[in-house]
Amino acid sequence: MKITDRVKDLIKSGGEWISSVDMENEMISHPSVLEAAVVGVNHPKWEERPLALVTLRGEQKGKVNKEDILEHISKKFAKWQLPDEVKFVDSIPKTSVGKIDKKAIREQYKDIYRKK
């Protein structure tokens, strides 16, 4: 048995499970990525789809795009698991103890896939 994520941080897309922690760790292994957060966001067709927030190292801002990140993580993840959106942000919301605030991210981006 391998436990990879808290149940609330697993993403259920089209009946299949995606580990947000595994995906974050793979994104962070990209040399330009300083920090990454992946959350499941409601989707009208697939129940949920992954959304990635990425902060880049200072000198890399503007040099890395969505396709670069997706290409990097596609070595470990199937095409259907890849996030539909990769948002480059200056900072990722944190809780009072410094952990990534996935609840706040889900709330902030709750309608991102409904507009499509």
C-alpha atoms as a PDB file:
ATOM      1  CA  MET A   1       0.000   0.000   0.000  1.00  0.00           C
ATOM      2  CA  LYS A   2       1.241   3.482  -0.874  1.00  0.00           C
ATOM      3  CA  ILE A   3      -0.401   6.560   0.605  1.00  0.00           C
ATOM      4  CA  THR A   4       0.368   9.514  -1.593  1.00  0.00           C
ATOM      5  CA  ASP A   5      -1.984  12.263  -0.519  1.00  0.00           C
ATOM      6  CA  ARG A   6      -4.662  13.360   1.882  1.00  0.00           C
ATOM      7  CA  VAL A   7      -8.048  12.354   0.518  1.00  0.00           C
ATOM      8  CA  LYS A   8      -9.110  16.001   0.245  1.00  0.00           C
ATOM      9  CA  ASP A   9      -6.011  16.744  -1.851  1.00  0.00           C
ATOM     10  CA  LEU A  10      -6.577  13.936  -4.324  1.00  0.00           C
ATOM     11  CA  ILE A  11      -8.154  15.020  -7.581  1.00  0.00           C
ATOM     12  CA  LYS A  12     -10.902  12.870  -9.063  1.00  0.00           C
ATOM     13  CA  SER A  13     -11.093  13.482 -12.778  1.00  0.00           C
ATOM     14  CA  GLY A  14     -13.416  11.387 -14.923  1.00  0.00           C
ATOM     15  CA  GLY A  15     -13.510   8.684 -12.254  1.00  0.00           C
ATOM     16  CA  GLU A  16      -9.702   8.442 -12.000  1.00  0.00           C
ATOM     17  CA  TRP A  17      -7.527   9.699  -9.140  1.00  0.00           C
ATOM     18  CA  ILE A  18      -4.609  12.109  -9.544  1.00  0.00           C
ATOM     19  CA  SER A  19      -2.140  12.835  -6.725  1.00  0.00           C
ATOM     20  CA  SER A  20      -1.620  16.563  -6.292  1.00  0.00           C
ATOM     21  CA  VAL A  21       1.459  15.998  -4.084  1.00  0.00           C
ATOM     22  CA  ASP A  22       3.199  13.826  -6.694  1.00  0.00           C
ATOM     23  CA  MET A  23       2.456  16.412  -9.377  1.00  0.00           C
ATOM     24  CA  GLU A  24       3.710  19.297  -7.191  1.00  0.00           C
ATOM     25  CA  ASN A  25       6.929  17.412  -6.451  1.00  0.00           C
ATOM     26  CA  GLU A  26       7.499  16.780 -10.147  1.00  0.00           C
ATOM     27  CA  MET A  27       6.904  20.454 -10.976  1.00  0.00           C
ATOM     28  CA  ILE A  28       9.319  21.561  -8.274  1.00  0.00           C
ATOM     29  CA  SER A  29      11.980  19.317  -9.822  1.00  0.00           C
ATOM     30  CA  HIS A  30      11.988  21.667 -12.843  1.00  0.00           C
ATOM     31  CA  PRO A  31      15.055  23.903 -12.395  1.00  0.00           C
ATOM     32  CA  SER A  32      13.089  27.117 -13.020  1.00  0.00           C
ATOM     33  CA  VAL A  33      10.283  26.377 -10.543  1.00  0.00           C
ATOM     34  CA  LEU A  34      10.577  27.771  -7.032  1.00  0.00           C
ATOM     35  CA  GLU A  35       7.202  26.631  -5.744  1.00  0.00           C
ATOM     36  CA  ALA A  36       4.117  24.823  -7.064  1.00  0.00           C
ATOM     37  CA  ALA A  37       0.612  24.024  -5.875  1.00  0.00           C
ATOM     38  CA  VAL A  38      -1.864  21.709  -7.580  1.00  0.00           C
ATOM     39  CA  VAL A  39      -5.549  21.565  -6.666  1.00  0.00           C
ATOM     40  CA  GLY A  40      -8.661  19.965  -8.059  1.00  0.00           C
ATOM     41  CA  VAL A  41     -11.174  22.471  -9.371  1.00  0.00           C
ATOM     42  CA  ASN A  42     -14.766  21.678 -10.334  1.00  0.00           C
ATOM     43  CA  HIS A  43     -15.204  20.919 -14.012  1.00  0.00           C
ATOM     44  CA  PRO A  44     -18.557  20.593 -15.830  1.00  0.00           C
ATOM     45  CA  LYS A  45     -17.574  17.427 -17.726  1.00  0.00           C
ATOM     46  CA  TRP A  46     -14.872  15.666 -15.676  1.00  0.00           C
ATOM     47  CA  GLU A  47     -16.034  16.398 -12.090  1.00  0.00           C
ATOM     48  CA  GLU A  48     -12.633  17.933 -11.274  1.00  0.00           C
ATOM     49  CA  ARG A  49      -9.541  18.910 -13.233  1.00  0.00           C
ATOM     50  CA  PRO A  50      -6.093  19.839 -11.929  1.00  0.00           C
ATOM     51  CA  LEU A  51      -5.077  23.479 -11.753  1.00  0.00           C
ATOM     52  CA  ALA A  52      -1.425  24.333 -11.123  1.00  0.00           C
ATOM     53  CA  LEU A  53      -0.070  27.530  -9.606  1.00  0.00           C
ATOM     54  CA  VAL A  54       3.645  28.032 -10.175  1.00  0.00           C
ATOM     55  CA  THR A  55       6.141  30.581  -8.917  1.00  0.00           C
ATOM     56  CA  LEU A  56       9.377  30.830 -10.856  1.00  0.00           C
ATOM     57  CA  ARG A  57      12.864  31.649  -9.644  1.00  0.00           C
ATOM     58  CA  GLY A  58      13.500  35.383 -10.123  1.00  0.00           C
ATOM     59  CA  GLU A  59      15.772  35.122 -13.139  1.00  0.00           C
ATOM     60  CA  GLN A  60      13.363  32.702 -14.887  1.00  0.00           C
ATOM     61  CA  LYS A  61      10.267  34.910 -14.903  1.00  0.00           C
ATOM     62  CA  GLY A  62       9.008  35.289 -18.451  1.00  0.00           C
ATOM     63  CA  LYS A  63      11.333  32.560 -19.760  1.00  0.00           C
ATOM     64  CA  VAL A  64       9.188  29.539 -18.859  1.00  0.00           C
ATOM     65  CA  ASN A  65       5.664  28.911 -20.124  1.00  0.00           C
ATOM     66  CA  LYS A  66       2.814  26.450 -19.605  1.00  0.00           C
ATOM     67  CA  GLU A  67       4.093  24.107 -22.303  1.00  0.00           C
ATOM     68  CA  ASP A  68       7.520  23.899 -20.627  1.00  0.00           C
ATOM     69  CA  ILE A  69       5.946  22.833 -17.343  1.00  0.00           C
ATOM     70  CA  LEU A  70       3.581  20.336 -18.977  1.00  0.00           C
ATOM     71  CA  GLU A  71       6.410  18.830 -21.024  1.00  0.00           C
ATOM     72  CA  HIS A  72       8.492  18.413 -17.877  1.00  0.00           C
ATOM     73  CA  ILE A  73       5.779  16.639 -15.869  1.00  0.00           C
ATOM     74  CA  SER A  74       4.535  14.569 -18.825  1.00  0.00           C
ATOM     75  CA  LYS A  75       7.491  12.244 -18.246  1.00  0.00           C
ATOM     76  CA  LYS A  76       5.717  10.990 -15.103  1.00  0.00           C
ATOM     77  CA  PHE A  77       2.051  11.728 -15.790  1.00  0.00           C
ATOM     78  CA  ALA A  78      -0.342  10.617 -18.518  1.00  0.00           C
ATOM     79  CA  LYS A  79      -1.749  13.250 -20.853  1.00  0.00           C
ATOM     80  CA  TRP A  80      -5.209  13.049 -19.244  1.00  0.00           C
ATOM     81  CA  GLN A  81      -3.670  13.797 -15.824  1.00  0.00           C
ATOM     82  CA  LEU A  82      -1.965  17.024 -16.876  1.00  0.00           C
ATOM     83  CA  PRO A  83      -3.473  20.294 -15.635  1.00  0.00           C
ATOM     84  CA  ASP A  84      -5.680  22.149 -18.090  1.00  0.00           C
ATOM     85  CA  GLU A  85      -4.286  25.410 -16.703  1.00  0.00           C
ATOM     86  CA  VAL A  86      -0.882  26.408 -15.334  1.00  0.00           C
ATOM     87  CA  LYS A  87      -1.014  29.852 -13.745  1.00  0.00           C
ATOM     88  CA  PHE A  88       2.222  31.713 -13.088  1.00  0.00           C
ATOM     89  CA  VAL A  89       1.857  33.755  -9.913  1.00  0.00           C
ATOM     90  CA  ASP A  90       4.113  35.943  -7.782  1.00  0.00           C
ATOM     91  CA  SER A  91       3.166  34.046  -4.637  1.00  0.00           C
ATOM     92  CA  ILE A  92       1.091  31.052  -3.597  1.00  0.00           C
ATOM     93  CA  PRO A  93      -1.428  31.535  -0.752  1.00  0.00           C
ATOM     94  CA  LYS A  94      -0.221  30.152   2.582  1.00  0.00           C
ATOM     95  CA  THR A  95      -1.873  29.335   5.901  1.00  0.00           C
ATOM     96  CA  SER A  96      -0.813  30.996   9.139  1.00  0.00           C
ATOM     97  CA  VAL A  97       1.763  28.230   9.682  1.00  0.00           C
ATOM     98  CA  GLY A  98       3.277  28.611   6.209  1.00  0.00           C
ATOM     99  CA  LYS A  99       1.683  25.655   4.425  1.00  0.00           C
ATOM    100  CA  ILE A 100       0.107  25.990   0.979  1.00  0.00           C
ATOM    101  CA  ASP A 101      -3.522  27.033   1.472  1.00  0.00           C
ATOM    102  CA  LYS A 102      -5.249  24.753  -1.012  1.00  0.00           C
ATOM    103  CA  LYS A 103      -8.665  25.684   0.332  1.00  0.00           C
ATOM    104  CA  ALA A 104      -8.036  29.356  -0.522  1.00  0.00           C
ATOM    105  CA  ILE A 105      -6.729  28.410  -3.982  1.00  0.00           C
ATOM    106  CA  ARG A 106      -9.808  26.273  -4.707  1.00  0.00           C
ATOM    107  CA  GLU A 107     -12.057  29.149  -3.631  1.00  0.00           C
ATOM    108  CA  GLN A 108     -10.161  31.751  -5.667  1.00  0.00           C
ATOM    109  CA  TYR A 109     -10.194  29.660  -8.860  1.00  0.00           C
ATOM    110  CA  LYS A 110     -13.465  27.765  -8.364  1.00  0.00           C
ATOM    111  CA  ASP A 111     -14.978  28.985 -11.652  1.00  0.00           C
ATOM    112  CA  ILE A 112     -11.895  28.791 -13.887  1.00  0.00           C
ATOM    113  CA  TYR A 113     -13.140  25.733 -15.809  1.00  0.00           C
ATOM    114  CA  ARG A 114     -16.790  26.744 -15.870  1.00  0.00           C
ATOM    115  CA  LYS A 115     -16.044  29.623 -18.233  1.00  0.00           C
ATOM    116  CA  LYS A 116     -14.841  27.313 -20.978  1.00  0.00           C
END
